[in-house]
PDB file of N, CA and C in Angstrom:
ATOM      1  N   UNK A   1     -12.028-149.346  28.336  1.00  0.00           N
ATOM      2  CA  UNK A   1     -11.879-150.109  27.109  1.00  0.00           C
ATOM      3  C   UNK A   1     -11.995-149.193  25.890  1.00  0.00           C
ATOM      4  N   UNK A   2     -12.789-148.148  25.978  1.00  0.00           N
ATOM      5  CA  UNK A   2     -12.964-147.251  24.839  1.00  0.00           C
ATOM      6  C   UNK A   2     -11.662-146.543  24.480  1.00  0.00           C
ATOM      7  N   UNK A   3     -10.743-146.400  25.446  1.00  0.00           N
ATOM      8  CA  UNK A   3      -9.485-145.703  25.183  1.00  0.00           C
ATOM      9  C   UNK A   3      -8.488-146.531  24.385  1.00  0.00           C
ATOM     10  N   UNK A   4      -8.749-147.817  24.188  1.00  0.00           N
ATOM     11  CA  UNK A   4      -7.870-148.678  23.410  1.00  0.00           C
ATOM     12  C   UNK A   4      -8.134-148.426  21.924  1.00  0.00           C
ATOM     13  N   UNK A   5      -7.072-148.152  21.183  1.00  0.00           N
ATOM     14  CA  UNK A   5      -7.239-147.859  19.760  1.00  0.00           C
ATOM     15  C   UNK A   5      -7.364-149.154  18.953  1.00  0.00           C
ATOM     16  N   UNK A   6      -7.824-149.003  17.713  1.00  0.00           N
ATOM     17  CA  UNK A   6      -7.970-150.149  16.816  1.00  0.00           C
ATOM     18  C   UNK A   6      -6.624-150.755  16.432  1.00  0.00           C
ATOM     19  N   UNK A   7      -5.550-150.018  16.641  1.00  0.00           N
ATOM     20  CA  UNK A   7      -4.214-150.506  16.306  1.00  0.00           C
ATOM     21  C   UNK A   7      -3.808-151.704  17.175  1.00  0.00           C
ATOM     22  N   UNK A   8      -4.509-151.913  18.261  1.00  0.00           N
ATOM     23  CA  UNK A   8      -4.189-153.034  19.155  1.00  0.00           C
ATOM     24  C   UNK A   8      -4.355-154.368  18.432  1.00  0.00           C
ATOM     25  N   UNK A   9      -5.197-154.396  17.389  1.00  0.00           N
ATOM     26  CA  UNK A   9      -5.423-155.641  16.650  1.00  0.00           C
ATOM     27  C   UNK A   9      -4.203-156.060  15.824  1.00  0.00           C
ATOM     28  N   UNK A  10      -3.280-155.156  15.622  1.00  0.00           N
ATOM     29  CA  UNK A  10      -2.071-155.509  14.865  1.00  0.00           C
ATOM     30  C   UNK A  10      -0.927-155.926  15.790  1.00  0.00           C
ATOM     31  N   UNK A  11      -1.137-155.862  17.093  1.00  0.00           N
ATOM     32  CA  UNK A  11      -0.091-156.227  18.055  1.00  0.00           C
ATOM     33  C   UNK A  11      -0.207-157.695  18.450  1.00  0.00           C
ATOM     34  N   UNK A  12       0.894-158.260  18.869  1.00  0.00           N
ATOM     35  CA  UNK A  12       0.943-159.654  19.315  1.00  0.00           C
ATOM     36  C   UNK A  12       1.169-159.652  20.818  1.00  0.00           C
ATOM     37  N   UNK A  13       0.341-160.406  21.535  1.00  0.00           N
ATOM     38  CA  UNK A  13       0.444-160.521  22.988  1.00  0.00           C
ATOM     39  C   UNK A  13       0.967-161.904  23.347  1.00  0.00           C
ATOM     40  N   UNK A  14       1.563-162.021  24.521  1.00  0.00           N
ATOM     41  CA  UNK A  14       1.996-163.320  25.028  1.00  0.00           C
ATOM     42  C   UNK A  14       1.037-163.750  26.129  1.00  0.00           C
ATOM     43  N   UNK A  15       0.563-164.976  26.021  1.00  0.00           N
ATOM     44  CA  UNK A  15      -0.348-165.543  27.007  1.00  0.00           C
ATOM     45  C   UNK A  15       0.390-165.674  28.340  1.00  0.00           C
ATOM     46  N   UNK A  16      -0.252-165.201  29.427  1.00  0.00           N
ATOM     47  CA  UNK A  16       0.364-165.298  30.751  1.00  0.00           C
ATOM     48  C   UNK A  16       0.425-166.735  31.259  1.00  0.00           C
ATOM     49  N   UNK A  17      -0.457-167.591  30.774  1.00  0.00           N
ATOM     50  CA  UNK A  17      -0.489-168.978  31.247  1.00  0.00           C
ATOM     51  C   UNK A  17       0.442-169.888  30.449  1.00  0.00           C
ATOM     52  N   UNK A  18       0.407-169.768  29.127  1.00  0.00           N
ATOM     53  CA  UNK A  18       1.168-170.694  28.288  1.00  0.00           C
ATOM     54  C   UNK A  18       2.407-170.071  27.651  1.00  0.00           C
ATOM     55  N   UNK A  19       2.452-168.745  27.594  1.00  0.00           N
ATOM     56  CA  UNK A  19       3.575-168.073  26.948  1.00  0.00           C
ATOM     57  C   UNK A  19       3.470-168.025  25.435  1.00  0.00           C
ATOM     58  N   UNK A  20       2.380-168.557  24.882  1.00  0.00           N
ATOM     59  CA  UNK A  20       2.199-168.559  23.427  1.00  0.00           C
ATOM     60  C   UNK A  20       1.689-167.194  22.947  1.00  0.00           C
ATOM     61  N   UNK A  21       2.091-166.776  21.759  1.00  0.00           N
ATOM     62  CA  UNK A  21       1.606-165.505  21.219  1.00  0.00           C
ATOM     63  C   UNK A  21       0.171-165.632  20.718  1.00  0.00           C
ATOM     64  N   UNK A  22      -0.579-164.523  20.844  1.00  0.00           N
ATOM     65  CA  UNK A  22      -1.940-164.466  20.298  1.00  0.00           C
ATOM     66  C   UNK A  22      -2.266-163.023  19.950  1.00  0.00           C
ATOM     67  N   UNK A  23      -3.281-162.858  19.135  1.00  0.00           N
ATOM     68  CA  UNK A  23      -3.743-161.530  18.728  1.00  0.00           C
ATOM     69  C   UNK A  23      -5.194-161.345  19.137  1.00  0.00           C
ATOM     70  N   UNK A  24      -5.591-160.101  19.226  1.00  0.00           N
ATOM     71  CA  UNK A  24      -6.982-159.748  19.468  1.00  0.00           C
ATOM     72  C   UNK A  24      -7.574-159.361  18.120  1.00  0.00           C
ATOM     73  N   UNK A  25      -8.634-160.061  17.719  1.00  0.00           N
ATOM     74  CA  UNK A  25      -9.273-159.785  16.437  1.00  0.00           C
ATOM     75  C   UNK A  25     -10.130-158.520  16.520  1.00  0.00           C
ATOM     76  N   UNK A  26     -10.394-157.905  15.387  1.00  0.00           N
ATOM     77  CA  UNK A  26     -11.206-156.692  15.354  1.00  0.00           C
ATOM     78  C   UNK A  26     -12.600-156.938  15.933  1.00  0.00           C
ATOM     79  N   UNK A  27     -13.225-158.064  15.533  1.00  0.00           N
ATOM     80  CA  UNK A  27     -14.560-158.386  16.041  1.00  0.00           C
ATOM     81  C   UNK A  27     -14.532-158.617  17.556  1.00  0.00           C
ATOM     82  N   UNK A  28     -13.465-159.231  18.017  1.00  0.00           N
ATOM     83  CA  UNK A  28     -13.300-159.484  19.446  1.00  0.00           C
ATOM     84  C   UNK A  28     -13.169-158.156  20.205  1.00  0.00           C
ATOM     85  N   UNK A  29     -12.377-157.238  19.654  1.00  0.00           N
ATOM     86  CA  UNK A  29     -12.206-155.920  20.272  1.00  0.00           C
ATOM     87  C   UNK A  29     -13.529-155.178  20.331  1.00  0.00           C
ATOM     88  N   UNK A  30     -14.321-155.258  19.268  1.00  0.00           N
ATOM     89  CA  UNK A  30     -15.643-154.609  19.255  1.00  0.00           C
ATOM     90  C   UNK A  30     -16.545-155.197  20.343  1.00  0.00           C
ATOM     91  N   UNK A  31     -16.487-156.509  20.517  1.00  0.00           N
ATOM     92  CA  UNK A  31     -17.287-157.161  21.552  1.00  0.00           C
ATOM     93  C   UNK A  31     -16.853-156.685  22.948  1.00  0.00           C
ATOM     94  N   UNK A  32     -15.551-156.645  23.202  1.00  0.00           N
ATOM     95  CA  UNK A  32     -15.052-156.191  24.506  1.00  0.00           C
ATOM     96  C   UNK A  32     -15.472-154.755  24.777  1.00  0.00           C
ATOM     97  N   UNK A  33     -15.433-153.920  23.760  1.00  0.00           N
ATOM     98  CA  UNK A  33     -15.878-152.526  23.922  1.00  0.00           C
ATOM     99  C   UNK A  33     -17.368-152.459  24.238  1.00  0.00           C
ATOM    100  N   UNK A  34     -18.151-153.209  23.468  1.00  0.00           N
ATOM    101  CA  UNK A  34     -19.607-153.188  23.654  1.00  0.00           C
ATOM    102  C   UNK A  34     -19.998-153.660  25.057  1.00  0.00           C
ATOM    103  N   UNK A  35     -19.328-154.697  25.551  1.00  0.00           N
ATOM    104  CA  UNK A  35     -19.646-155.262  26.866  1.00  0.00           C
ATOM    105  C   UNK A  35     -18.831-154.631  27.998  1.00  0.00           C
ATOM    106  N   UNK A  36     -17.982-153.671  27.645  1.00  0.00           N
ATOM    107  CA  UNK A  36     -17.140-152.987  28.620  1.00  0.00           C
ATOM    108  C   UNK A  36     -16.265-153.983  29.395  1.00  0.00           C
ATOM    109  N   UNK A  37     -15.618-154.869  28.648  1.00  0.00           N
ATOM    110  CA  UNK A  37     -14.756-155.899  29.231  1.00  0.00           C
ATOM    111  C   UNK A  37     -13.290-155.547  29.000  1.00  0.00           C
ATOM    112  N   UNK A  38     -12.414-155.983  29.893  1.00  0.00           N
ATOM    113  CA  UNK A  38     -10.985-155.742  29.672  1.00  0.00           C
ATOM    114  C   UNK A  38     -10.438-156.672  28.595  1.00  0.00           C
ATOM    115  N   UNK A  39      -9.310-156.309  28.035  1.00  0.00           N
ATOM    116  CA  UNK A  39      -8.654-157.176  27.060  1.00  0.00           C
ATOM    117  C   UNK A  39      -8.189-158.457  27.749  1.00  0.00           C
ATOM    118  N   UNK A  40      -8.222-159.579  27.048  1.00  0.00           N
ATOM    119  CA  UNK A  40      -7.786-160.842  27.656  1.00  0.00           C
ATOM    120  C   UNK A  40      -6.277-160.862  27.844  1.00  0.00           C
ATOM    121  N   UNK A  41      -5.834-161.596  28.842  1.00  0.00           N
ATOM    122  CA  UNK A  41      -4.402-161.767  29.079  1.00  0.00           C
ATOM    123  C   UNK A  41      -3.987-163.221  28.888  1.00  0.00           C
ATOM    124  N   UNK A  42      -4.962-164.046  28.472  1.00  0.00           N
ATOM    125  CA  UNK A  42      -4.679-165.446  28.155  1.00  0.00           C
ATOM    126  C   UNK A  42      -5.100-165.704  26.718  1.00  0.00           C
ATOM    127  N   UNK A  43      -4.445-166.671  26.089  1.00  0.00           N
ATOM    128  CA  UNK A  43      -4.747-166.991  24.689  1.00  0.00           C
ATOM    129  C   UNK A  43      -6.129-167.634  24.574  1.00  0.00           C
ATOM    130  N   UNK A  44      -6.728-167.592  23.394  1.00  0.00           N
ATOM    131  CA  UNK A  44      -8.039-168.223  23.213  1.00  0.00           C
ATOM    132  C   UNK A  44      -8.033-169.713  23.563  1.00  0.00           C
ATOM    133  N   UNK A  45      -6.951-170.416  23.255  1.00  0.00           N
ATOM    134  CA  UNK A  45      -6.886-171.848  23.582  1.00  0.00           C
ATOM    135  C   UNK A  45      -6.935-172.083  25.084  1.00  0.00           C
ATOM    136  N   UNK A  46      -6.210-171.294  25.847  1.00  0.00           N
ATOM    137  CA  UNK A  46      -6.191-171.445  27.301  1.00  0.00           C
ATOM    138  C   UNK A  46      -7.563-171.100  27.876  1.00  0.00           C
ATOM    139  N   UNK A  47      -8.176-170.020  27.381  1.00  0.00           N
ATOM    140  CA  UNK A  47      -9.512-169.644  27.866  1.00  0.00           C
ATOM    141  C   UNK A  47     -10.531-170.738  27.573  1.00  0.00           C
ATOM    142  N   UNK A  48     -10.427-171.349  26.401  1.00  0.00           N
ATOM    143  CA  UNK A  48     -11.348-172.432  26.036  1.00  0.00           C
ATOM    144  C   UNK A  48     -11.152-173.640  26.956  1.00  0.00           C
ATOM    145  N   UNK A  49      -9.908-174.017  27.212  1.00  0.00           N
ATOM    146  CA  UNK A  49      -9.633-175.152  28.103  1.00  0.00           C
ATOM    147  C   UNK A  49     -10.153-174.877  29.516  1.00  0.00           C
ATOM    148  N   UNK A  50     -10.030-173.653  29.987  1.00  0.00           N
ATOM    149  CA  UNK A  50     -10.540-173.307  31.317  1.00  0.00           C
ATOM    150  C   UNK A  50     -12.062-173.412  31.366  1.00  0.00           C
ATOM    151  N   UNK A  51     -12.729-173.013  30.281  1.00  0.00           N
ATOM    152  CA  UNK A  51     -14.197-173.147  30.235  1.00  0.00           C
ATOM    153  C   UNK A  51     -14.603-174.614  30.258  1.00  0.00           C
ATOM    154  N   UNK A  52     -13.898-175.449  29.523  1.00  0.00           N
ATOM    155  CA  UNK A  52     -14.217-176.883  29.489  1.00  0.00           C
ATOM    156  C   UNK A  52     -14.022-177.530  30.856  1.00  0.00           C
ATOM    157  N   UNK A  53     -13.027-177.092  31.609  1.00  0.00           N
ATOM    158  CA  UNK A  53     -12.768-177.664  32.925  1.00  0.00           C
ATOM    159  C   UNK A  53     -13.868-177.330  33.924  1.00  0.00           C
ATOM    160  N   UNK A  54     -14.613-176.243  33.694  1.00  0.00           N
ATOM    161  CA  UNK A  54     -15.701-175.861  34.599  1.00  0.00           C
ATOM    162  C   UNK A  54     -16.996-176.631  34.339  1.00  0.00           C
ATOM    163  N   UNK A  55     -17.060-177.366  33.241  1.00  0.00           N
ATOM    164  CA  UNK A  55     -18.274-178.114  32.899  1.00  0.00           C
ATOM    165  C   UNK A  55     -18.365-179.404  33.701  1.00  0.00           C
ATOM    166  N   UNK A  56     -19.577-179.905  33.822  1.00  0.00           N
ATOM    167  CA  UNK A  56     -19.782-181.203  34.467  1.00  0.00           C
ATOM    168  C   UNK A  56     -19.142-182.296  33.623  1.00  0.00           C
ATOM    169  N   UNK A  57     -18.549-183.291  34.255  1.00  0.00           N
ATOM    170  CA  UNK A  57     -18.007-184.412  33.473  1.00  0.00           C
ATOM    171  C   UNK A  57     -19.151-185.223  32.874  1.00  0.00           C
ATOM    172  N   UNK A  58     -18.861-185.948  31.826  1.00  0.00           N
ATOM    173  CA  UNK A  58     -19.878-186.770  31.174  1.00  0.00           C
ATOM    174  C   UNK A  58     -19.958-188.130  31.868  1.00  0.00           C
ATOM    175  N   UNK A  59     -20.323-188.095  33.133  1.00  0.00           N
ATOM    176  CA  UNK A  59     -20.473-189.304  33.927  1.00  0.00           C
ATOM    177  C   UNK A  59     -21.845-189.291  34.569  1.00  0.00           C
ATOM    178  N   UNK A  60     -22.385-190.459  34.838  1.00  0.00           N
ATOM    179  CA  UNK A  60     -23.682-190.575  35.490  1.00  0.00           C
ATOM    180  C   UNK A  60     -23.473-191.228  36.856  1.00  0.00           C
ATOM    181  N   UNK A  61     -24.098-190.649  37.873  1.00  0.00           N
ATOM    182  CA  UNK A  61     -23.967-191.137  39.241  1.00  0.00           C
ATOM    183  C   UNK A  61     -25.333-191.521  39.785  1.00  0.00           C
ATOM    184  N   UNK A  62     -25.376-192.573  40.574  1.00  0.00           N
ATOM    185  CA  UNK A  62     -26.609-192.948  41.270  1.00  0.00           C
ATOM    186  C   UNK A  62     -26.765-191.994  42.442  1.00  0.00           C
ATOM    187  N   UNK A  63     -27.912-191.341  42.534  1.00  0.00           N
ATOM    188  CA  UNK A  63     -28.191-190.389  43.610  1.00  0.00           C
ATOM    189  C   UNK A  63     -29.545-190.716  44.208  1.00  0.00           C
ATOM    190  N   UNK A  64     -29.862-190.075  45.285  1.00  0.00           N
ATOM    191  CA  UNK A  64     -31.173-190.201  45.909  1.00  0.00           C
ATOM    192  C   UNK A  64     -31.886-188.870  45.747  1.00  0.00           C
ATOM    193  N   UNK A  65     -33.128-188.907  45.324  1.00  0.00           N
ATOM    194  CA  UNK A  65     -33.910-187.689  45.148  1.00  0.00           C
ATOM    195  C   UNK A  65     -34.011-186.953  46.476  1.00  0.00           C
ATOM    196  N   UNK A  66     -33.807-185.645  46.432  1.00  0.00           N
ATOM    197  CA  UNK A  66     -33.867-184.852  47.657  1.00  0.00           C
ATOM    198  C   UNK A  66     -35.305-184.657  48.139  1.00  0.00           C
ATOM    199  N   UNK A  67     -36.299-184.940  47.292  1.00  0.00           N
ATOM    200  CA  UNK A  67     -37.693-184.761  47.690  1.00  0.00           C
ATOM    201  C   UNK A  67     -38.343-186.059  48.152  1.00  0.00           C
ATOM    202  N   UNK A  68     -38.174-187.142  47.392  1.00  0.00           N
ATOM    203  CA  UNK A  68     -38.889-188.379  47.715  1.00  0.00           C
ATOM    204  C   UNK A  68     -37.989-189.502  48.203  1.00  0.00           C
ATOM    205  N   UNK A  69     -36.679-189.365  48.050  1.00  0.00           N
ATOM    206  CA  UNK A  69     -35.767-190.418  48.471  1.00  0.00           C
ATOM    207  C   UNK A  69     -35.631-191.557  47.472  1.00  0.00           C
ATOM    208  N   UNK A  70     -36.232-191.435  46.300  1.00  0.00           N
ATOM    209  CA  UNK A  70     -36.169-192.449  45.252  1.00  0.00           C
ATOM    210  C   UNK A  70     -34.779-192.402  44.600  1.00  0.00           C
ATOM    211  N   UNK A  71     -34.255-193.570  44.244  1.00  0.00           N
ATOM    212  CA  UNK A  71     -32.964-193.599  43.577  1.00  0.00           C
ATOM    213  C   UNK A  71     -33.111-193.100  42.138  1.00  0.00           C
ATOM    214  N   UNK A  72     -32.264-192.154  41.754  1.00  0.00           N
ATOM    215  CA  UNK A  72     -32.267-191.578  40.405  1.00  0.00           C
ATOM    216  C   UNK A  72     -30.823-191.518  39.911  1.00  0.00           C
ATOM    217  N   UNK A  73     -30.639-191.171  38.657  1.00  0.00           N
ATOM    218  CA  UNK A  73     -29.313-191.027  38.075  1.00  0.00           C
ATOM    219  C   UNK A  73     -29.128-189.577  37.649  1.00  0.00           C
ATOM    220  N   UNK A  74     -27.947-189.046  37.946  1.00  0.00           N
ATOM    221  CA  UNK A  74     -27.681-187.638  37.697  1.00  0.00           C
ATOM    222  C   UNK A  74     -26.232-187.455  37.266  1.00  0.00           C
ATOM    223  N   UNK A  75     -25.951-186.328  36.602  1.00  0.00           N
ATOM    224  CA  UNK A  75     -24.572-186.004  36.246  1.00  0.00           C
ATOM    225  C   UNK A  75     -23.845-185.327  37.406  1.00  0.00           C
ATOM    226  N   UNK A  76     -24.552-185.060  38.509  1.00  0.00           N
ATOM    227  CA  UNK A  76     -23.949-184.471  39.696  1.00  0.00           C
ATOM    228  C   UNK A  76     -23.550-185.582  40.660  1.00  0.00           C
ATOM    229  N   UNK A  77     -22.279-185.618  41.040  1.00  0.00           N
ATOM    230  CA  UNK A  77     -21.776-186.641  41.957  1.00  0.00           C
ATOM    231  C   UNK A  77     -22.420-186.477  43.329  1.00  0.00           C
ATOM    232  N   UNK A  78     -22.459-187.547  44.086  1.00  0.00           N
ATOM    233  CA  UNK A  78     -23.072-187.530  45.409  1.00  0.00           C
ATOM    234  C   UNK A  78     -22.389-186.602  46.393  1.00  0.00           C
ATOM    235  N   UNK A  79     -21.121-186.310  46.186  1.00  0.00           N
ATOM    236  CA  UNK A  79     -20.389-185.425  47.100  1.00  0.00           C
ATOM    237  C   UNK A  79     -20.686-183.948  46.831  1.00  0.00           C
ATOM    238  N   UNK A  80     -21.407-183.638  45.760  1.00  0.00           N
ATOM    239  CA  UNK A  80     -21.726-182.252  45.422  1.00  0.00           C
ATOM    240  C   UNK A  80     -22.915-181.775  46.237  1.00  0.00           C
ATOM    241  N   UNK A  81     -23.009-180.472  46.526  1.00  0.00           N
ATOM    242  CA  UNK A  81     -24.074-179.953  47.393  1.00  0.00           C
ATOM    243  C   UNK A  81     -25.429-179.750  46.713  1.00  0.00           C
ATOM    244  N   UNK A  82     -25.497-179.852  45.380  1.00  0.00           N
ATOM    245  CA  UNK A  82     -26.759-179.588  44.693  1.00  0.00           C
ATOM    246  C   UNK A  82     -27.826-180.609  45.085  1.00  0.00           C
ATOM    247  N   UNK A  83     -29.049-180.119  45.212  1.00  0.00           N
ATOM    248  CA  UNK A  83     -30.180-181.016  45.447  1.00  0.00           C
ATOM    249  C   UNK A  83     -30.664-181.496  44.091  1.00  0.00           C
ATOM    250  N   UNK A  84     -30.960-182.778  44.011  1.00  0.00           N
ATOM    251  CA  UNK A  84     -31.449-183.354  42.759  1.00  0.00           C
ATOM    252  C   UNK A  84     -32.820-183.966  42.991  1.00  0.00           C
ATOM    253  N   UNK A  85     -33.631-183.970  41.954  1.00  0.00           N
ATOM    254  CA  UNK A  85     -34.956-184.599  42.052  1.00  0.00           C
ATOM    255  C   UNK A  85     -35.247-185.331  40.735  1.00  0.00           C
ATOM    256  N   UNK A  86     -36.212-186.202  40.783  1.00  0.00           N
ATOM    257  CA  UNK A  86     -36.553-186.976  39.582  1.00  0.00           C
ATOM    258  C   UNK A  86     -37.273-186.074  38.587  1.00  0.00           C
ATOM    259  N   UNK A  87     -37.385-186.559  37.355  1.00  0.00           N
ATOM    260  CA  UNK A  87     -38.052-185.788  36.318  1.00  0.00           C
ATOM    261  C   UNK A  87     -39.513-185.520  36.677  1.00  0.00           C
ATOM    262  N   UNK A  88     -40.178-186.486  37.280  1.00  0.00           N
ATOM    263  CA  UNK A  88     -41.574-186.307  37.670  1.00  0.00           C
ATOM    264  C   UNK A  88     -41.724-185.249  38.769  1.00  0.00           C
ATOM    265  N   UNK A  89     -40.771-185.227  39.678  1.00  0.00           N
ATOM    266  CA  UNK A  89     -40.838-184.254  40.775  1.00  0.00           C
ATOM    267  C   UNK A  89     -40.483-182.844  40.324  1.00  0.00           C
ATOM    268  N   UNK A  90     -39.700-182.759  39.264  1.00  0.00           N
ATOM    269  CA  UNK A  90     -39.281-181.456  38.776  1.00  0.00           C
ATOM    270  C   UNK A  90     -40.467-180.742  38.197  1.00  0.00           C
TER     271      UNK A  90
END
């Protein structure tokens, strides 16, 4: 990443997912250098949508506590492998 010059901020890239043009900001380039990350190949909008898709949905499911068997409500669906427990048990 250190070999990339600052001139890259004046170039326009095409998103591999959407085909829309985007630029890399100077602050963004500094962050990628500091964290030793590669330059993005997707636009900021596509990256943001992908992050949102990885979040839990805003739904509540009736579950059974993995410790006591008491019925509780959780944002994790019953088909998910996570163990859930009540607030008191936590």
